[in-house]
């Protein structure tokens, strides 16, 4: 059916004029297939010889993004013609088979702003498949990197500090670590409460009758209270593992946007295992005392045996940690549950 719809769309485009005919489309046969192409260009998602997505894809952004070593991310989604993603009452889009979620990473001051890597999350008949591609230095194509790779990069963070790191492109199994829910790979970024929907969003999404309230932007005080912005930050950066069905379920620390801010959210929650992760502190979050909250201790650490999140960063997100520090510092010390 999708191929028939694609053919009908192509026919309509042909009938509508020469300029429409020249607009390329992704190669749906490769997207739907079972192969893992060695080159990113095989999918036809980008203009030939560039890292610019086709206009047929829908670019999107998030209210609160996952921190990844200050990398700028360019996101886009593709769905086969004639399909769309109905958004459920829980805010999770039901992406159809043939969907590709595209995310490119780079820094404006590294290699002329060319991307370092592009990750594809492809919805095939067998389920979601995560494929990482590393761009060639000339930015004209990217190569499949199933085993991941470390790439030396140098960039400046917003405070002007220069960082030289071995940026980690995740291997295929590491992709699963963050994207795993009930043992299946799922998208973790595009949810209705965190998506910034543009004017063209109705091309790809159908919305429920009930409005879904957006999460605040973690760094915009006008978008929500201090606590809500801290919760949004934790939901996006931590809850894909810290939920009852995620890879950190045994921690008992659940940081979803919908979780209540009580003991299981870390408030006066003691460590579940002996080890260096707690730094000798008693609580994940000690109200009023960020210096004795091991949630902060782990966020500000670069030690591989301590740092959280475990994957996806080689630098400390100073601004994110500062937000959480302020939130914890303003909690009443003599109450288990902080004031909202």
C-alpha atoms as a PDB file:
ATOM      1  CA  UNK A   1       0.000   0.000   0.000  1.00  0.00           C
ATOM      2  CA  UNK A   2       2.786   2.425   0.903  1.00  0.00           C
ATOM      3  CA  UNK A   3       4.555   1.875  -2.391  1.00  0.00           C
ATOM      4  CA  UNK A   4       1.261   2.448  -4.213  1.00  0.00           C
ATOM      5  CA  UNK A   5       0.753   5.650  -2.221  1.00  0.00           C
ATOM      6  CA  UNK A   6       4.313   6.723  -3.025  1.00  0.00           C
ATOM      7  CA  UNK A   7       3.689   6.067  -6.718  1.00  0.00           C
ATOM      8  CA  UNK A   8       0.456   8.078  -6.632  1.00  0.00           C
ATOM      9  CA  UNK A   9       2.224  10.926  -4.852  1.00  0.00           C
ATOM     10  CA  UNK A  10       5.019  10.884  -7.423  1.00  0.00           C
ATOM     11  CA  UNK A  11       2.422  10.989 -10.207  1.00  0.00           C
ATOM     12  CA  UNK A  12       0.721  13.971  -8.595  1.00  0.00           C
ATOM     13  CA  UNK A  13       4.041  15.731  -8.222  1.00  0.00           C
ATOM     14  CA  UNK A  14       4.789  15.090 -11.885  1.00  0.00           C
ATOM     15  CA  UNK A  15       1.443  16.586 -12.838  1.00  0.00           C
ATOM     16  CA  UNK A  16       1.974  19.652 -10.656  1.00  0.00           C
ATOM     17  CA  UNK A  17       5.013  21.062 -12.459  1.00  0.00           C
ATOM     18  CA  UNK A  18       8.688  20.705 -13.239  1.00  0.00           C
ATOM     19  CA  UNK A  19       9.930  22.189  -9.941  1.00  0.00           C
ATOM     20  CA  UNK A  20       8.080  19.520  -7.943  1.00  0.00           C
ATOM     21  CA  UNK A  21       9.424  16.757 -10.162  1.00  0.00           C
ATOM     22  CA  UNK A  22      12.994  17.695  -9.300  1.00  0.00           C
ATOM     23  CA  UNK A  23      12.474  17.305  -5.541  1.00  0.00           C
ATOM     24  CA  UNK A  24      14.094  14.007  -4.510  1.00  0.00           C
ATOM     25  CA  UNK A  25      12.508  11.563  -2.080  1.00  0.00           C
ATOM     26  CA  UNK A  26      14.041   9.049   0.363  1.00  0.00           C
ATOM     27  CA  UNK A  27      14.540   5.516  -0.922  1.00  0.00           C
ATOM     28  CA  UNK A  28      11.691   3.692   0.804  1.00  0.00           C
ATOM     29  CA  UNK A  29      12.842   0.290  -0.467  1.00  0.00           C
ATOM     30  CA  UNK A  30      16.132   0.682   1.451  1.00  0.00           C
ATOM     31  CA  UNK A  31      14.335   1.994   4.540  1.00  0.00           C
ATOM     32  CA  UNK A  32      11.900  -0.917   4.533  1.00  0.00           C
ATOM     33  CA  UNK A  33      14.537  -3.514   3.694  1.00  0.00           C
ATOM     34  CA  UNK A  34      16.600  -5.675   5.992  1.00  0.00           C
ATOM     35  CA  UNK A  35      20.060  -4.471   5.035  1.00  0.00           C
ATOM     36  CA  UNK A  36      22.327  -2.094   6.922  1.00  0.00           C
ATOM     37  CA  UNK A  37      23.842   0.019   4.129  1.00  0.00           C
ATOM     38  CA  UNK A  38      27.522   0.843   4.467  1.00  0.00           C
ATOM     39  CA  UNK A  39      26.852   4.430   3.388  1.00  0.00           C
ATOM     40  CA  UNK A  40      24.245   6.830   4.751  1.00  0.00           C
ATOM     41  CA  UNK A  41      23.583   8.137   1.254  1.00  0.00           C
ATOM     42  CA  UNK A  42      21.934   4.806   0.375  1.00  0.00           C
ATOM     43  CA  UNK A  43      18.805   5.921   2.243  1.00  0.00           C
ATOM     44  CA  UNK A  44      18.484   9.091   0.169  1.00  0.00           C
ATOM     45  CA  UNK A  45      17.578  11.162   3.234  1.00  0.00           C
ATOM     46  CA  UNK A  46      20.038  13.996   2.461  1.00  0.00           C
ATOM     47  CA  UNK A  47      20.697  16.082  -0.590  1.00  0.00           C
ATOM     48  CA  UNK A  48      23.413  14.414  -2.647  1.00  0.00           C
ATOM     49  CA  UNK A  49      26.901  15.149  -1.380  1.00  0.00           C
ATOM     50  CA  UNK A  50      25.697  17.187   1.604  1.00  0.00           C
ATOM     51  CA  UNK A  51      24.438  16.810   5.180  1.00  0.00           C
ATOM     52  CA  UNK A  52      21.288  18.798   4.374  1.00  0.00           C
ATOM     53  CA  UNK A  53      18.114  16.721   4.858  1.00  0.00           C
ATOM     54  CA  UNK A  54      15.635  16.623   2.012  1.00  0.00           C
ATOM     55  CA  UNK A  55      12.731  19.013   2.316  1.00  0.00           C
ATOM     56  CA  UNK A  56      10.483  15.936   2.312  1.00  0.00           C
ATOM     57  CA  UNK A  57      11.604  15.293   5.903  1.00  0.00           C
ATOM     58  CA  UNK A  58      10.059  17.176   8.810  1.00  0.00           C
ATOM     59  CA  UNK A  59      12.671  18.967  10.948  1.00  0.00           C
ATOM     60  CA  UNK A  60      11.761  19.200  14.593  1.00  0.00           C
ATOM     61  CA  UNK A  61      13.193  20.431  17.885  1.00  0.00           C
ATOM     62  CA  UNK A  62      12.577  19.692  21.549  1.00  0.00           C
ATOM     63  CA  UNK A  63      11.670  21.875  24.507  1.00  0.00           C
ATOM     64  CA  UNK A  64      14.315  20.161  26.608  1.00  0.00           C
ATOM     65  CA  UNK A  65      16.983  18.123  24.753  1.00  0.00           C
ATOM     66  CA  UNK A  66      19.310  15.406  26.008  1.00  0.00           C
ATOM     67  CA  UNK A  67      22.758  16.804  26.825  1.00  0.00           C
ATOM     68  CA  UNK A  68      25.494  15.374  24.602  1.00  0.00           C
ATOM     69  CA  UNK A  69      28.763  17.201  25.217  1.00  0.00           C
ATOM     70  CA  UNK A  70      27.308  20.515  24.066  1.00  0.00           C
ATOM     71  CA  UNK A  71      26.796  19.101  20.581  1.00  0.00           C
ATOM     72  CA  UNK A  72      24.264  20.850  18.385  1.00  0.00           C
ATOM     73  CA  UNK A  73      21.697  18.396  17.133  1.00  0.00           C
ATOM     74  CA  UNK A  74      19.651  18.628  13.997  1.00  0.00           C
ATOM     75  CA  UNK A  75      16.594  16.402  14.080  1.00  0.00           C
ATOM     76  CA  UNK A  76      14.185  15.339  11.369  1.00  0.00           C
ATOM     77  CA  UNK A  77      11.649  12.605  10.770  1.00  0.00           C
ATOM     78  CA  UNK A  78      10.462  10.856   7.650  1.00  0.00           C
ATOM     79  CA  UNK A  79       7.319   8.775   7.214  1.00  0.00           C
ATOM     80  CA  UNK A  80       6.131   7.077   4.041  1.00  0.00           C
ATOM     81  CA  UNK A  81       3.615   9.044   1.924  1.00  0.00           C
ATOM     82  CA  UNK A  82       0.064   8.316   2.977  1.00  0.00           C
ATOM     83  CA  UNK A  83       0.993   7.552   6.591  1.00  0.00           C
ATOM     84  CA  UNK A  84       1.308   9.559   9.779  1.00  0.00           C
ATOM     85  CA  UNK A  85       1.883   9.044  13.487  1.00  0.00           C
ATOM     86  CA  UNK A  86      -1.208   9.285  15.672  1.00  0.00           C
ATOM     87  CA  UNK A  87      -0.295  10.678  19.081  1.00  0.00           C
ATOM     88  CA  UNK A  88      -1.735   8.647  21.930  1.00  0.00           C
ATOM     89  CA  UNK A  89      -3.254  10.055  25.087  1.00  0.00           C
ATOM     90  CA  UNK A  90       0.076   9.350  26.778  1.00  0.00           C
ATOM     91  CA  UNK A  91       1.760  11.638  24.253  1.00  0.00           C
ATOM     92  CA  UNK A  92       3.697   8.858  22.524  1.00  0.00           C
ATOM     93  CA  UNK A  93       3.483   8.955  18.704  1.00  0.00           C
ATOM     94  CA  UNK A  94       2.567   5.678  17.000  1.00  0.00           C
ATOM     95  CA  UNK A  95       5.158   5.812  14.250  1.00  0.00           C
ATOM     96  CA  UNK A  96       4.275   3.648  11.232  1.00  0.00           C
ATOM     97  CA  UNK A  97       6.541   1.070   9.607  1.00  0.00           C
ATOM     98  CA  UNK A  98       8.838   2.922   7.233  1.00  0.00           C
ATOM     99  CA  UNK A  99       9.533   5.814   9.649  1.00  0.00           C
ATOM    100  CA  UNK A 100      13.074   7.131   9.999  1.00  0.00           C
ATOM    101  CA  UNK A 101      14.078   9.411  12.877  1.00  0.00           C
ATOM    102  CA  UNK A 102      17.259  11.271  11.963  1.00  0.00           C
ATOM    103  CA  UNK A 103      19.580  13.023  14.410  1.00  0.00           C
ATOM    104  CA  UNK A 104      22.879  14.650  13.421  1.00  0.00           C
ATOM    105  CA  UNK A 105      25.517  15.805  15.931  1.00  0.00           C
ATOM    106  CA  UNK A 106      28.189  18.470  15.517  1.00  0.00           C
ATOM    107  CA  UNK A 107      29.654  21.722  16.795  1.00  0.00           C
ATOM    108  CA  UNK A 108      29.626  25.069  14.972  1.00  0.00           C
ATOM    109  CA  UNK A 109      33.333  25.574  15.669  1.00  0.00           C
ATOM    110  CA  UNK A 110      34.538  22.098  14.689  1.00  0.00           C
ATOM    111  CA  UNK A 111      35.352  21.072  11.091  1.00  0.00           C
ATOM    112  CA  UNK A 112      33.534  24.059   9.674  1.00  0.00           C
ATOM    113  CA  UNK A 113      30.291  23.095  11.374  1.00  0.00           C
ATOM    114  CA  UNK A 114      30.040  19.782   9.510  1.00  0.00           C
ATOM    115  CA  UNK A 115      28.322  17.012  11.481  1.00  0.00           C
ATOM    116  CA  UNK A 116      30.339  14.333  13.236  1.00  0.00           C
ATOM    117  CA  UNK A 117      27.712  11.639  13.172  1.00  0.00           C
ATOM    118  CA  UNK A 118      24.122  10.925  12.239  1.00  0.00           C
ATOM    119  CA  UNK A 119      22.028   8.360  14.056  1.00  0.00           C
ATOM    120  CA  UNK A 120      19.093   6.710  12.358  1.00  0.00           C
ATOM    121  CA  UNK A 121      16.239   5.037  14.168  1.00  0.00           C
ATOM    122  CA  UNK A 122      14.313   3.056  11.573  1.00  0.00           C
ATOM    123  CA  UNK A 123      10.911   1.491  12.103  1.00  0.00           C
ATOM    124  CA  UNK A 124      10.992  -1.729  10.127  1.00  0.00           C
ATOM    125  CA  UNK A 125       8.463  -4.569  10.092  1.00  0.00           C
ATOM    126  CA  UNK A 126      10.651  -6.433  12.596  1.00  0.00           C
ATOM    127  CA  UNK A 127      10.856  -3.447  14.982  1.00  0.00           C
ATOM    128  CA  UNK A 128      13.069  -0.418  15.498  1.00  0.00           C
ATOM    129  CA  UNK A 129      16.654  -0.583  14.270  1.00  0.00           C
ATOM    130  CA  UNK A 130      19.326   1.872  15.482  1.00  0.00           C
ATOM    131  CA  UNK A 131      22.183   2.629  13.082  1.00  0.00           C
ATOM    132  CA  UNK A 132      25.038   5.096  13.769  1.00  0.00           C
ATOM    133  CA  UNK A 133      26.883   6.711  10.830  1.00  0.00           C
ATOM    134  CA  UNK A 134      30.109   8.737  11.034  1.00  0.00           C
ATOM    135  CA  UNK A 135      30.559  11.528   8.508  1.00  0.00           C
ATOM    136  CA  UNK A 136      33.565  11.715   6.235  1.00  0.00           C
ATOM    137  CA  UNK A 137      35.758  14.762   6.875  1.00  0.00           C
ATOM    138  CA  UNK A 138      34.475  16.479   3.724  1.00  0.00           C
ATOM    139  CA  UNK A 139      30.873  16.168   4.932  1.00  0.00           C
ATOM    140  CA  UNK A 140      29.686  14.566   1.695  1.00  0.00           C
ATOM    141  CA  UNK A 141      28.684  11.134   3.050  1.00  0.00           C
ATOM    142  CA  UNK A 142      28.854   9.053   6.212  1.00  0.00           C
ATOM    143  CA  UNK A 143      29.884   5.465   6.915  1.00  0.00           C
ATOM    144  CA  UNK A 144      28.147   2.879   9.079  1.00  0.00           C
ATOM    145  CA  UNK A 145      29.873   2.455  12.454  1.00  0.00           C
ATOM    146  CA  UNK A 146      28.232  -0.565  14.090  1.00  0.00           C
ATOM    147  CA  UNK A 147      31.124  -0.874  16.553  1.00  0.00           C
ATOM    148  CA  UNK A 148      31.060   2.847  17.403  1.00  0.00           C
ATOM    149  CA  UNK A 149      34.187   4.966  17.511  1.00  0.00           C
ATOM    150  CA  UNK A 150      36.008   7.633  19.464  1.00  0.00           C
ATOM    151  CA  UNK A 151      36.593  10.843  17.508  1.00  0.00           C
ATOM    152  CA  UNK A 152      38.858  13.644  18.797  1.00  0.00           C
ATOM    153  CA  UNK A 153      37.007  16.959  18.692  1.00  0.00           C
ATOM    154  CA  UNK A 154      37.662  20.425  20.087  1.00  0.00           C
ATOM    155  CA  UNK A 155      34.919  22.948  20.734  1.00  0.00           C
ATOM    156  CA  UNK A 156      33.902  25.751  23.045  1.00  0.00           C
ATOM    157  CA  UNK A 157      31.012  25.500  25.482  1.00  0.00           C
ATOM    158  CA  UNK A 158      28.630  28.466  25.916  1.00  0.00           C
ATOM    159  CA  UNK A 159      30.813  29.889  28.704  1.00  0.00           C
ATOM    160  CA  UNK A 160      33.753  30.180  26.276  1.00  0.00           C
ATOM    161  CA  UNK A 161      35.748  27.307  27.784  1.00  0.00           C
ATOM    162  CA  UNK A 162      37.557  25.165  25.204  1.00  0.00           C
ATOM    163  CA  UNK A 163      37.108  21.393  25.411  1.00  0.00           C
ATOM    164  CA  UNK A 164      39.180  18.717  23.666  1.00  0.00           C
ATOM    165  CA  UNK A 165      37.542  15.317  24.050  1.00  0.00           C
ATOM    166  CA  UNK A 166      37.362  11.923  22.438  1.00  0.00           C
ATOM    167  CA  UNK A 167      33.731  12.124  21.450  1.00  0.00           C
ATOM    168  CA  UNK A 168      32.019   8.751  21.721  1.00  0.00           C
ATOM    169  CA  UNK A 169      29.870   7.555  18.852  1.00  0.00           C
ATOM    170  CA  UNK A 170      27.880   4.727  20.465  1.00  0.00           C
ATOM    171  CA  UNK A 171      28.022   1.204  19.160  1.00  0.00           C
ATOM    172  CA  UNK A 172      24.853  -0.617  18.218  1.00  0.00           C
ATOM    173  CA  UNK A 173      24.476  -2.268  21.645  1.00  0.00           C
ATOM    174  CA  UNK A 174      24.992   1.042  23.458  1.00  0.00           C
ATOM    175  CA  UNK A 175      22.145   2.477  21.403  1.00  0.00           C
ATOM    176  CA  UNK A 176      19.958  -0.229  22.914  1.00  0.00           C
ATOM    177  CA  UNK A 177      20.998   0.733  26.442  1.00  0.00           C
ATOM    178  CA  UNK A 178      19.210   4.070  26.286  1.00  0.00           C
ATOM    179  CA  UNK A 179      16.495   3.129  23.814  1.00  0.00           C
ATOM    180  CA  UNK A 180      15.402  -0.092  25.533  1.00  0.00           C
ATOM    181  CA  UNK A 181      11.948  -0.374  27.067  1.00  0.00           C
ATOM    182  CA  UNK A 182      10.622  -3.811  28.044  1.00  0.00           C
ATOM    183  CA  UNK A 183      13.535  -5.223  26.070  1.00  0.00           C
ATOM    184  CA  UNK A 184      12.513  -3.502  22.827  1.00  0.00           C
ATOM    185  CA  UNK A 185      14.164  -0.539  21.099  1.00  0.00           C
ATOM    186  CA  UNK A 186      11.910   2.527  21.127  1.00  0.00           C
ATOM    187  CA  UNK A 187      12.355   6.239  20.364  1.00  0.00           C
ATOM    188  CA  UNK A 188      13.003   8.280  23.520  1.00  0.00           C
ATOM    189  CA  UNK A 189      13.058  11.877  22.281  1.00  0.00           C
ATOM    190  CA  UNK A 190       9.969  12.681  20.219  1.00  0.00           C
ATOM    191  CA  UNK A 191       7.065  12.741  22.664  1.00  0.00           C
ATOM    192  CA  UNK A 192       4.177  15.140  22.361  1.00  0.00           C
ATOM    193  CA  UNK A 193       4.926  16.963  25.611  1.00  0.00           C
ATOM    194  CA  UNK A 194       8.504  17.684  24.529  1.00  0.00           C
ATOM    195  CA  UNK A 195       8.100  18.260  20.782  1.00  0.00           C
ATOM    196  CA  UNK A 196       8.033  21.761  19.380  1.00  0.00           C
ATOM    197  CA  UNK A 197       5.471  21.319  16.650  1.00  0.00           C
ATOM    198  CA  UNK A 198       5.879  23.531  13.624  1.00  0.00           C
ATOM    199  CA  UNK A 199       3.339  24.613  11.055  1.00  0.00           C
ATOM    200  CA  UNK A 200       3.979  21.509   8.918  1.00  0.00           C
ATOM    201  CA  UNK A 201       3.608  19.011  11.758  1.00  0.00           C
ATOM    202  CA  UNK A 202       0.136  17.945  10.658  1.00  0.00           C
ATOM    203  CA  UNK A 203       1.780  16.367   7.609  1.00  0.00           C
ATOM    204  CA  UNK A 204       3.205  13.707   9.882  1.00  0.00           C
ATOM    205  CA  UNK A 205       1.267  13.741  13.148  1.00  0.00           C
ATOM    206  CA  UNK A 206      -2.396  13.472  14.059  1.00  0.00           C
ATOM    207  CA  UNK A 207      -3.275  14.893  17.430  1.00  0.00           C
ATOM    208  CA  UNK A 208      -5.663  13.642  20.125  1.00  0.00           C
ATOM    209  CA  UNK A 209      -8.709  15.717  20.980  1.00  0.00           C
ATOM    210  CA  UNK A 210      -7.342  16.282  24.470  1.00  0.00           C
ATOM    211  CA  UNK A 211      -4.515  18.814  24.620  1.00  0.00           C
ATOM    212  CA  UNK A 212      -1.261  17.470  26.000  1.00  0.00           C
ATOM    213  CA  UNK A 213       0.466  20.062  28.182  1.00  0.00           C
ATOM    214  CA  UNK A 214       4.084  20.702  27.140  1.00  0.00           C
ATOM    215  CA  UNK A 215       7.053  20.222  29.413  1.00  0.00           C
ATOM    216  CA  UNK A 216       8.938  23.435  30.180  1.00  0.00           C
ATOM    217  CA  UNK A 217      12.255  24.358  28.631  1.00  0.00           C
ATOM    218  CA  UNK A 218      14.876  23.511  31.214  1.00  0.00           C
ATOM    219  CA  UNK A 219      16.777  26.783  30.665  1.00  0.00           C
ATOM    220  CA  UNK A 220      13.841  29.176  30.301  1.00  0.00           C
ATOM    221  CA  UNK A 221      12.419  30.398  33.643  1.00  0.00           C
ATOM    222  CA  UNK A 222       9.416  31.799  31.799  1.00  0.00           C
ATOM    223  CA  UNK A 223       8.391  28.309  30.715  1.00  0.00           C
ATOM    224  CA  UNK A 224       7.939  26.805  34.174  1.00  0.00           C
ATOM    225  CA  UNK A 225       8.822  26.817  37.859  1.00  0.00           C
ATOM    226  CA  UNK A 226      12.301  25.881  39.042  1.00  0.00           C
ATOM    227  CA  UNK A 227      11.068  22.469  40.140  1.00  0.00           C
ATOM    228  CA  UNK A 228       9.283  21.775  36.857  1.00  0.00           C
ATOM    229  CA  UNK A 229      12.335  22.765  34.831  1.00  0.00           C
ATOM    230  CA  UNK A 230      14.512  20.514  37.003  1.00  0.00           C
ATOM    231  CA  UNK A 231      12.026  17.677  36.521  1.00  0.00           C
ATOM    232  CA  UNK A 232      11.999  18.230  32.765  1.00  0.00           C
ATOM    233  CA  UNK A 233      15.796  18.054  32.733  1.00  0.00           C
ATOM    234  CA  UNK A 234      15.808  14.797  34.714  1.00  0.00           C
ATOM    235  CA  UNK A 235      13.010  13.321  32.602  1.00  0.00           C
ATOM    236  CA  UNK A 236      14.880  13.910  29.358  1.00  0.00           C
ATOM    237  CA  UNK A 237      18.398  13.094  30.546  1.00  0.00           C
ATOM    238  CA  UNK A 238      17.743  10.244  32.973  1.00  0.00           C
ATOM    239  CA  UNK A 239      14.275   8.684  32.770  1.00  0.00           C
ATOM    240  CA  UNK A 240      14.901   6.563  29.659  1.00  0.00           C
ATOM    241  CA  UNK A 241      16.907   4.324  32.035  1.00  0.00           C
ATOM    242  CA  UNK A 242      15.430   5.386  35.370  1.00  0.00           C
ATOM    243  CA  UNK A 243      11.912   4.002  35.034  1.00  0.00           C
ATOM    244  CA  UNK A 244      10.350   0.719  36.165  1.00  0.00           C
ATOM    245  CA  UNK A 245      10.874  -0.853  32.722  1.00  0.00           C
ATOM    246  CA  UNK A 246      14.237   0.714  31.849  1.00  0.00           C
ATOM    247  CA  UNK A 247      17.796  -0.533  32.233  1.00  0.00           C
ATOM    248  CA  UNK A 248      18.139   1.146  35.669  1.00  0.00           C
ATOM    249  CA  UNK A 249      14.865  -0.206  37.057  1.00  0.00           C
ATOM    250  CA  UNK A 250      16.683  -2.031  39.872  1.00  0.00           C
ATOM    251  CA  UNK A 251      17.879   1.300  41.267  1.00  0.00           C
ATOM    252  CA  UNK A 252      14.364   2.149  42.413  1.00  0.00           C
ATOM    253  CA  UNK A 253      15.064   5.719  41.288  1.00  0.00           C
ATOM    254  CA  UNK A 254      12.380   6.784  38.831  1.00  0.00           C
ATOM    255  CA  UNK A 255      12.715  10.153  37.131  1.00  0.00           C
ATOM    256  CA  UNK A 256       9.899  10.285  34.611  1.00  0.00           C
ATOM    257  CA  UNK A 257       8.000  13.509  34.073  1.00  0.00           C
ATOM    258  CA  UNK A 258       4.937  11.788  35.523  1.00  0.00           C
ATOM    259  CA  UNK A 259       6.629  10.507  38.696  1.00  0.00           C
ATOM    260  CA  UNK A 260       5.796  12.066  42.040  1.00  0.00           C
ATOM    261  CA  UNK A 261       8.631  13.881  43.799  1.00  0.00           C
ATOM    262  CA  UNK A 262       8.971  11.557  46.758  1.00  0.00           C
ATOM    263  CA  UNK A 263      11.468   8.925  47.923  1.00  0.00           C
ATOM    264  CA  UNK A 264      11.493   7.023  44.633  1.00  0.00           C
ATOM    265  CA  UNK A 265      12.314  10.308  42.944  1.00  0.00           C
ATOM    266  CA  UNK A 266      15.457  10.508  45.070  1.00  0.00           C
ATOM    267  CA  UNK A 267      14.255  12.639  47.978  1.00  0.00           C
ATOM    268  CA  UNK A 268      16.141  11.234  50.969  1.00  0.00           C
ATOM    269  CA  UNK A 269      16.520   7.996  49.008  1.00  0.00           C
ATOM    270  CA  UNK A 270      19.429   5.888  50.191  1.00  0.00           C
ATOM    271  CA  UNK A 271      21.807   4.074  47.785  1.00  0.00           C
ATOM    272  CA  UNK A 272      20.642   0.614  46.696  1.00  0.00           C
ATOM    273  CA  UNK A 273      24.143  -0.808  46.375  1.00  0.00           C
ATOM    274  CA  UNK A 274      27.546  -0.413  47.954  1.00  0.00           C
ATOM    275  CA  UNK A 275      30.115   1.250  45.760  1.00  0.00           C
ATOM    276  CA  UNK A 276      31.668   4.517  44.737  1.00  0.00           C
ATOM    277  CA  UNK A 277      28.491   5.811  43.125  1.00  0.00           C
ATOM    278  CA  UNK A 278      27.174   7.380  46.297  1.00  0.00           C
ATOM    279  CA  UNK A 279      30.450   9.096  47.175  1.00  0.00           C
ATOM    280  CA  UNK A 280      29.800   8.150  50.799  1.00  0.00           C
ATOM    281  CA  UNK A 281      26.644  10.264  50.862  1.00  0.00           C
ATOM    282  CA  UNK A 282      23.418   9.155  52.447  1.00  0.00           C
ATOM    283  CA  UNK A 283      20.854  10.375  49.915  1.00  0.00           C
ATOM    284  CA  UNK A 284      20.396  10.770  46.181  1.00  0.00           C
ATOM    285  CA  UNK A 285      18.796  14.119  46.949  1.00  0.00           C
ATOM    286  CA  UNK A 286      19.376  15.665  50.368  1.00  0.00           C
ATOM    287  CA  UNK A 287      16.844  18.514  50.570  1.00  0.00           C
ATOM    288  CA  UNK A 288      18.548  21.854  50.995  1.00  0.00           C
ATOM    289  CA  UNK A 289      22.012  20.339  50.577  1.00  0.00           C
ATOM    290  CA  UNK A 290      23.202  19.781  46.980  1.00  0.00           C
ATOM    291  CA  UNK A 291      26.791  19.217  48.162  1.00  0.00           C
ATOM    292  CA  UNK A 292      25.610  16.086  49.979  1.00  0.00           C
ATOM    293  CA  UNK A 293      23.281  14.805  47.231  1.00  0.00           C
ATOM    294  CA  UNK A 294      24.889  12.000  45.255  1.00  0.00           C
ATOM    295  CA  UNK A 295      22.666  12.732  42.268  1.00  0.00           C
ATOM    296  CA  UNK A 296      24.674  15.964  41.877  1.00  0.00           C
ATOM    297  CA  UNK A 297      27.922  14.171  42.709  1.00  0.00           C
ATOM    298  CA  UNK A 298      27.385  11.758  39.821  1.00  0.00           C
ATOM    299  CA  UNK A 299      26.214  14.400  37.353  1.00  0.00           C
ATOM    300  CA  UNK A 300      29.345  16.465  38.026  1.00  0.00           C
ATOM    301  CA  UNK A 301      31.754  13.511  37.815  1.00  0.00           C
ATOM    302  CA  UNK A 302      33.721  12.353  34.760  1.00  0.00           C
ATOM    303  CA  UNK A 303      34.932   9.165  36.463  1.00  0.00           C
ATOM    304  CA  UNK A 304      33.556   6.260  34.353  1.00  0.00           C
ATOM    305  CA  UNK A 305      32.663   4.349  37.510  1.00  0.00           C
ATOM    306  CA  UNK A 306      30.690   7.238  38.974  1.00  0.00           C
ATOM    307  CA  UNK A 307      29.429   9.526  36.205  1.00  0.00           C
ATOM    308  CA  UNK A 308      25.781   9.631  35.268  1.00  0.00           C
ATOM    309  CA  UNK A 309      24.456   9.289  32.666  1.00  0.00           C
ATOM    310  CA  UNK A 310      26.844   6.435  31.935  1.00  0.00           C
ATOM    311  CA  UNK A 311      26.786   7.069  28.177  1.00  0.00           C
ATOM    312  CA  UNK A 312      26.760  10.077  25.934  1.00  0.00           C
ATOM    313  CA  UNK A 313      28.997  12.579  27.647  1.00  0.00           C
ATOM    314  CA  UNK A 314      32.672  13.271  28.240  1.00  0.00           C
ATOM    315  CA  UNK A 315      32.093  16.703  29.766  1.00  0.00           C
ATOM    316  CA  UNK A 316      30.060  18.007  32.679  1.00  0.00           C
ATOM    317  CA  UNK A 317      26.916  19.923  31.787  1.00  0.00           C
ATOM    318  CA  UNK A 318      27.636  22.810  34.135  1.00  0.00           C
ATOM    319  CA  UNK A 319      24.432  24.659  33.354  1.00  0.00           C
ATOM    320  CA  UNK A 320      22.239  21.590  33.866  1.00  0.00           C
ATOM    321  CA  UNK A 321      23.981  20.705  37.125  1.00  0.00           C
ATOM    322  CA  UNK A 322      23.579  24.325  38.282  1.00  0.00           C
ATOM    323  CA  UNK A 323      19.829  24.124  37.679  1.00  0.00           C
ATOM    324  CA  UNK A 324      19.553  20.954  39.777  1.00  0.00           C
ATOM    325  CA  UNK A 325      21.788  22.415  42.466  1.00  0.00           C
ATOM    326  CA  UNK A 326      19.520  25.445  42.777  1.00  0.00           C
ATOM    327  CA  UNK A 327      16.417  23.235  42.905  1.00  0.00           C
ATOM    328  CA  UNK A 328      17.849  21.077  45.694  1.00  0.00           C
ATOM    329  CA  UNK A 329      19.255  24.067  47.601  1.00  0.00           C
ATOM    330  CA  UNK A 330      15.812  25.661  47.739  1.00  0.00           C
ATOM    331  CA  UNK A 331      14.129  22.542  49.131  1.00  0.00           C
ATOM    332  CA  UNK A 332      13.127  22.808  52.793  1.00  0.00           C
ATOM    333  CA  UNK A 333      15.601  20.788  54.846  1.00  0.00           C
ATOM    334  CA  UNK A 334      13.075  19.667  57.407  1.00  0.00           C
ATOM    335  CA  UNK A 335      10.603  18.153  54.935  1.00  0.00           C
ATOM    336  CA  UNK A 336      10.846  14.908  53.026  1.00  0.00           C
ATOM    337  CA  UNK A 337       8.777  16.289  50.195  1.00  0.00           C
ATOM    338  CA  UNK A 338       9.866  19.644  48.781  1.00  0.00           C
ATOM    339  CA  UNK A 339       7.507  22.528  48.230  1.00  0.00           C
ATOM    340  CA  UNK A 340       6.383  22.799  44.624  1.00  0.00           C
END
